[in-house]
Amino acid sequence: MIEIKNLCAGYNKTAVLKDVSLNIAQSSFCAIIGKNGAGKSALLKTLCGLLTPFSGKILINGQNPFSLSKAELSKIIAFMPQNIEFSLPFSVRDFIMFGRYPYMNFFKIPSEKDYEIVKRTMKFTETESFADRNIDELSGGERQRVLIAQTIVQETDFLIFDEPTSHLDIGGQTEIFEILGILNKETGKTVIVAMHDLNAAGEFCDSLILLDGGRVKNAGTPEEVLNYKDIEEVYNTTVIVKTNPISGKPYIIPYKK
């Protein structure tokens, strides 16, 4: 599991996360939600070792991630950032193979195992049909699948995604969350996703963490976190919280008084 205690972190000596304490259970599908600037990306980057805490501590399965080398940490946590620049025309297959770098030798030559894992992952993410195309030729949905595939091939216990469905339509969003859900349920991977869509978070994830101003406002099941009082206070808007008659999960309807 991931244990966070009294964590303060941010950018350029300015704290974005303020005294954050929480636990993320192993094999859970957890969404980090909150307004822009609430600290979602900062929390993910700190978990991945990209931001060094000002104070507090993080333990991942009992280990301090900041005591590990980048190569060691990349075998425990895989991270897909929100924005990735595609400056070179790599093929989809080669781009996904980059996720195997932590396991390669000094010369970064892929082994038979690396090729097999990439092949298996492309089949799972349905990217094999365009494996030989250049990454910069793909649609938005295809690119997201490729980025997720590159994250998965690291074969880590913890998979962290920052807005993996941004700029996708509702069909594309559903496909991505179904992939992540299958990965979580069938392999026991811990999946952590920062996202804005509260209804998708409530529908697909089993635990939510609501951040407000760099602090934890609420954490728990979708039913516990997606209550109208907390949502109205954090987002400064009026909402109605209903229950999906099919899934039984909460969903939120904004309305104007």
Protein backbone atom coordinates (compact mmCIF):
# COMPACT_ATOMS: atom_id res chain seq x y z
CA MET A 1 0.00 0.00 0.00
CA ILE A 2 0.96 3.65 -0.17
CA GLU A 3 1.18 5.54 3.12
CA ILE A 4 1.47 9.32 3.14
CA LYS A 5 1.91 11.27 6.37
CA ASN A 6 2.04 15.04 6.87
CA LEU A 7 3.27 15.57 3.31
CA CYS A 8 4.15 19.08 2.14
CA ALA A 9 5.46 19.52 -1.40
CA GLY A 10 5.33 21.93 -4.32
CA TYR A 11 7.30 23.97 -6.80
CA ASN A 12 10.01 26.61 -6.33
CA LYS A 13 9.73 26.50 -2.54
CA THR A 14 5.98 27.19 -2.75
CA ALA A 15 3.88 24.51 -1.06
CA VAL A 16 1.07 23.08 -3.18
CA LEU A 17 0.42 20.07 -0.96
CA LYS A 18 -0.12 21.03 2.68
CA ASP A 19 0.00 18.47 5.47
CA VAL A 20 -1.47 15.66 3.36
CA SER A 21 -2.00 12.35 5.16
CA LEU A 22 -3.73 9.39 3.52
CA ASN A 23 -3.45 5.71 2.62
CA ILE A 24 -4.03 4.14 -0.78
CA ALA A 25 -4.79 0.43 -0.52
CA GLN A 26 -2.94 -2.06 -2.64
CA SER A 27 -4.90 -3.36 -5.64
CA SER A 28 -7.35 -0.43 -5.46
CA PHE A 29 -8.55 1.75 -8.34
CA CYS A 30 -8.20 5.23 -6.86
CA ALA A 31 -9.14 8.60 -8.35
CA ILE A 32 -7.62 11.89 -7.20
CA ILE A 33 -10.20 14.61 -7.79
CA GLY A 34 -10.44 18.35 -7.12
CA LYS A 35 -10.44 21.72 -8.84
CA ASN A 36 -7.59 23.01 -10.98
CA GLY A 37 -4.72 23.89 -8.68
CA ALA A 38 -5.91 21.60 -5.89
CA GLY A 39 -2.64 19.64 -5.99
CA LYS A 40 -3.61 16.54 -8.00
CA SER A 41 -0.59 16.56 -10.34
CA ALA A 42 1.75 17.60 -7.54
CA LEU A 43 0.64 14.59 -5.49
CA LEU A 44 1.21 12.19 -8.37
CA LYS A 45 4.63 13.65 -9.17
CA THR A 46 5.68 13.40 -5.54
CA LEU A 47 4.62 9.75 -5.42
CA CYS A 48 6.75 9.10 -8.51
CA GLY A 49 9.80 10.86 -7.13
CA LEU A 50 9.61 13.76 -9.57
CA LEU A 51 8.97 16.26 -6.75
CA THR A 52 10.94 16.10 -3.51
CA PRO A 53 8.81 16.72 -0.40
CA PHE A 54 9.51 19.75 1.76
CA SER A 55 8.48 17.67 4.76
CA GLY A 56 6.52 14.56 5.70
CA LYS A 57 7.02 11.05 4.44
CA ILE A 58 5.86 8.56 1.83
CA LEU A 59 6.12 4.78 2.12
CA ILE A 60 5.36 2.49 -0.81
CA ASN A 61 5.03 -1.09 0.42
CA GLY A 62 7.14 0.01 3.36
CA GLN A 63 9.88 1.59 1.24
CA ASN A 64 10.87 5.24 1.04
CA PRO A 65 10.80 6.01 -2.71
CA PHE A 66 13.37 8.77 -2.27
CA SER A 67 15.92 6.28 -1.01
CA LEU A 68 15.73 4.34 -4.27
CA SER A 69 17.51 5.00 -7.55
CA LYS A 70 15.41 6.06 -10.53
CA ALA A 71 15.89 2.61 -12.07
CA GLU A 72 14.73 0.88 -8.88
CA LEU A 73 11.73 3.18 -8.46
CA SER A 74 10.69 2.73 -12.09
CA LYS A 75 10.28 -0.99 -11.39
CA ILE A 76 7.79 -0.20 -8.63
CA ILE A 77 5.83 2.76 -10.03
CA ALA A 78 5.01 3.66 -13.63
CA PHE A 79 3.79 7.18 -14.38
CA MET A 80 1.95 8.60 -17.38
CA PRO A 81 2.08 12.43 -17.25
CA GLN A 82 -0.68 14.65 -18.54
CA ASN A 83 1.23 16.23 -21.41
CA ILE A 84 3.84 14.45 -23.53
CA GLU A 85 5.60 16.02 -26.49
CA PHE A 86 6.09 13.76 -29.51
CA SER A 87 9.10 15.47 -31.07
CA LEU A 88 10.48 12.47 -32.96
CA PRO A 89 8.55 10.18 -35.34
CA PHE A 90 8.95 6.89 -33.45
CA SER A 91 6.86 3.92 -34.46
CA VAL A 92 4.21 2.84 -32.00
CA ARG A 93 6.08 -0.39 -31.28
CA ASP A 94 9.37 1.41 -30.59
CA PHE A 95 7.66 4.02 -28.43
CA ILE A 96 6.01 1.36 -26.27
CA MET A 97 9.37 -0.44 -25.98
CA PHE A 98 10.78 2.61 -24.16
CA GLY A 99 8.79 1.43 -21.15
CA ARG A 100 11.11 -1.57 -20.89
CA TYR A 101 14.25 0.57 -20.47
CA PRO A 102 14.56 -0.05 -16.69
CA TYR A 103 15.03 -3.76 -17.42
CA MET A 104 17.50 -3.49 -20.31
CA ASN A 105 21.27 -3.78 -20.19
CA PHE A 106 23.75 -0.91 -20.51
CA PHE A 107 23.37 -0.87 -24.30
CA LYS A 108 19.55 -0.76 -24.08
CA ILE A 109 19.10 -3.73 -26.36
CA PRO A 110 15.67 -5.37 -25.95
CA SER A 111 15.58 -9.04 -24.99
CA GLU A 112 13.15 -11.68 -26.20
CA LYS A 113 11.22 -11.16 -22.98
CA ASP A 114 10.95 -7.43 -23.68
CA TYR A 115 9.55 -8.10 -27.16
CA GLU A 116 7.08 -10.64 -25.77
CA ILE A 117 5.83 -8.25 -23.09
CA VAL A 118 5.41 -5.44 -25.64
CA LYS A 119 3.54 -7.76 -27.98
CA ARG A 120 1.24 -8.94 -25.19
CA THR A 121 0.60 -5.38 -24.02
CA MET A 122 -0.21 -4.13 -27.53
CA LYS A 123 -2.76 -6.90 -27.87
CA PHE A 124 -4.32 -6.01 -24.51
CA THR A 125 -4.51 -2.28 -25.34
CA GLU A 126 -5.59 -2.95 -28.94
CA THR A 127 -2.63 -1.04 -30.38
CA GLU A 128 -1.14 -3.90 -32.41
CA SER A 129 -3.12 -2.97 -35.55
CA PHE A 130 -1.15 0.29 -35.89
CA ALA A 131 2.14 -0.87 -34.31
CA ASP A 132 4.20 0.20 -37.34
CA ARG A 133 2.67 3.65 -37.75
CA ASN A 134 4.45 6.76 -36.50
CA ILE A 135 3.27 8.04 -33.15
CA ASP A 136 2.63 11.52 -34.56
CA GLU A 137 0.14 10.12 -37.12
CA LEU A 138 -2.32 8.80 -34.55
CA SER A 139 -5.65 10.16 -33.37
CA GLY A 140 -6.07 11.38 -29.81
CA GLY A 141 -7.66 8.13 -28.65
CA GLU A 142 -4.99 6.01 -30.33
CA ARG A 143 -2.23 8.08 -28.71
CA GLN A 144 -3.74 7.63 -25.27
CA ARG A 145 -3.83 3.88 -25.78
CA VAL A 146 -0.17 3.92 -26.79
CA LEU A 147 0.80 6.00 -23.75
CA ILE A 148 -1.09 3.61 -21.49
CA ALA A 149 0.61 0.65 -23.18
CA GLN A 150 4.04 2.19 -22.56
CA THR A 151 3.12 2.62 -18.90
CA ILE A 152 1.85 -0.95 -18.56
CA VAL A 153 4.96 -2.59 -20.07
CA GLN A 154 7.02 -1.38 -17.11
CA GLU A 155 5.30 -4.21 -15.21
CA THR A 156 5.05 -2.28 -11.96
CA ASP A 157 2.66 -2.92 -9.08
CA PHE A 158 1.58 0.73 -9.08
CA LEU A 159 0.34 2.53 -12.19
CA ILE A 160 -0.23 6.29 -12.01
CA PHE A 161 -2.01 8.32 -14.69
CA ASP A 162 -2.45 12.09 -14.83
CA GLU A 163 -5.64 12.90 -16.77
CA PRO A 164 -5.47 9.84 -19.11
CA THR A 165 -8.76 10.72 -20.83
CA SER A 166 -8.23 14.44 -21.42
CA HIS A 167 -9.43 15.64 -24.85
CA LEU A 168 -11.28 12.36 -25.52
CA ASP A 169 -14.98 12.02 -26.26
CA ILE A 170 -17.23 9.98 -23.99
CA GLY A 171 -16.66 6.80 -26.01
CA GLY A 172 -12.90 7.17 -25.85
CA GLN A 173 -13.02 7.94 -22.13
CA THR A 174 -15.07 4.82 -21.43
CA GLU A 175 -12.67 2.62 -23.42
CA ILE A 176 -9.66 3.92 -21.48
CA PHE A 177 -11.32 3.42 -18.10
CA GLU A 178 -12.42 -0.08 -19.08
CA ILE A 179 -8.80 -0.94 -19.93
CA LEU A 180 -7.60 0.40 -16.59
CA GLY A 181 -10.43 -1.38 -14.76
CA ILE A 182 -9.58 -4.73 -16.31
CA LEU A 183 -5.91 -4.19 -15.48
CA ASN A 184 -6.83 -3.47 -11.87
CA LYS A 185 -9.27 -6.33 -11.38
CA GLU A 186 -7.55 -9.10 -13.34
CA THR A 187 -3.93 -8.43 -12.39
CA GLY A 188 -4.29 -6.77 -8.99
CA LYS A 189 -2.39 -3.66 -10.06
CA THR A 190 -2.92 -0.53 -7.99
CA VAL A 191 -4.22 2.12 -10.40
CA ILE A 192 -4.18 5.79 -9.38
CA VAL A 193 -5.75 8.36 -11.69
CA ALA A 194 -5.96 12.15 -11.42
CA MET A 195 -9.12 13.34 -13.14
CA HIS A 196 -11.75 16.07 -13.39
CA ASP A 197 -14.81 14.03 -14.36
CA LEU A 198 -16.53 13.32 -11.03
CA ASN A 199 -19.13 11.03 -12.56
CA ALA A 200 -16.52 8.87 -14.29
CA ALA A 201 -14.53 8.76 -11.05
CA GLY A 202 -17.57 7.57 -9.14
CA GLU A 203 -18.52 5.01 -11.78
CA PHE A 204 -15.18 3.36 -12.50
CA CYS A 205 -13.09 3.79 -9.32
CA ASP A 206 -13.52 2.08 -5.96
CA SER A 207 -11.91 4.83 -3.88
CA LEU A 208 -11.68 8.61 -4.24
CA ILE A 209 -9.47 11.30 -2.71
CA LEU A 210 -10.91 14.82 -2.87
CA LEU A 211 -8.27 17.56 -2.65
CA ASP A 212 -9.06 21.18 -1.88
CA GLY A 213 -6.36 23.84 -1.72
CA GLY A 214 -3.61 21.24 -1.34
CA ARG A 215 -5.33 19.44 1.54
CA VAL A 216 -7.43 16.29 1.75
CA LYS A 217 -11.07 17.33 2.00
CA ASN A 218 -12.43 13.78 2.01
CA ALA A 219 -11.32 10.25 1.14
CA GLY A 220 -13.22 6.99 0.90
CA THR A 221 -15.67 5.21 -1.36
CA PRO A 222 -17.50 7.11 -4.13
CA GLU A 223 -20.62 7.09 -1.96
CA GLU A 224 -18.71 8.69 0.91
CA VAL A 225 -16.82 11.30 -1.08
CA LEU A 226 -19.37 12.37 -3.69
CA ASN A 227 -21.78 13.96 -1.24
CA TYR A 228 -23.40 17.24 -2.14
CA LYS A 229 -22.01 19.20 0.83
CA ASP A 230 -18.34 18.54 0.05
CA ILE A 231 -18.79 18.91 -3.71
CA GLU A 232 -20.65 22.21 -3.35
CA GLU A 233 -18.05 23.55 -0.93
CA VAL A 234 -15.02 22.51 -3.00
CA TYR A 235 -16.38 23.44 -6.43
CA ASN A 236 -18.45 26.44 -5.31
CA THR A 237 -21.49 25.30 -7.23
CA THR A 238 -24.90 23.79 -6.50
CA VAL A 239 -25.38 20.11 -7.29
CA ILE A 240 -27.78 17.23 -6.96
CA VAL A 241 -26.33 13.80 -6.16
CA LYS A 242 -28.30 10.89 -7.60
CA THR A 243 -27.76 7.12 -7.73
CA ASN A 244 -27.23 5.36 -11.04
CA PRO A 245 -30.16 2.91 -11.21
CA ILE A 246 -28.04 0.31 -13.01
CA SER A 247 -24.64 0.44 -11.31
CA GLY A 248 -25.76 1.86 -7.97
CA LYS A 249 -22.92 4.41 -8.12
CA PRO A 250 -23.43 8.11 -7.35
CA TYR A 251 -23.57 10.69 -10.09
CA ILE A 252 -23.67 14.46 -9.88
CA ILE A 253 -25.95 16.91 -11.68
CA PRO A 254 -25.07 20.62 -11.47
CA TYR A 255 -27.98 23.03 -11.48
CA LYS A 256 -28.60 26.72 -11.29
CA LYS A 257 -30.75 28.04 -8.49
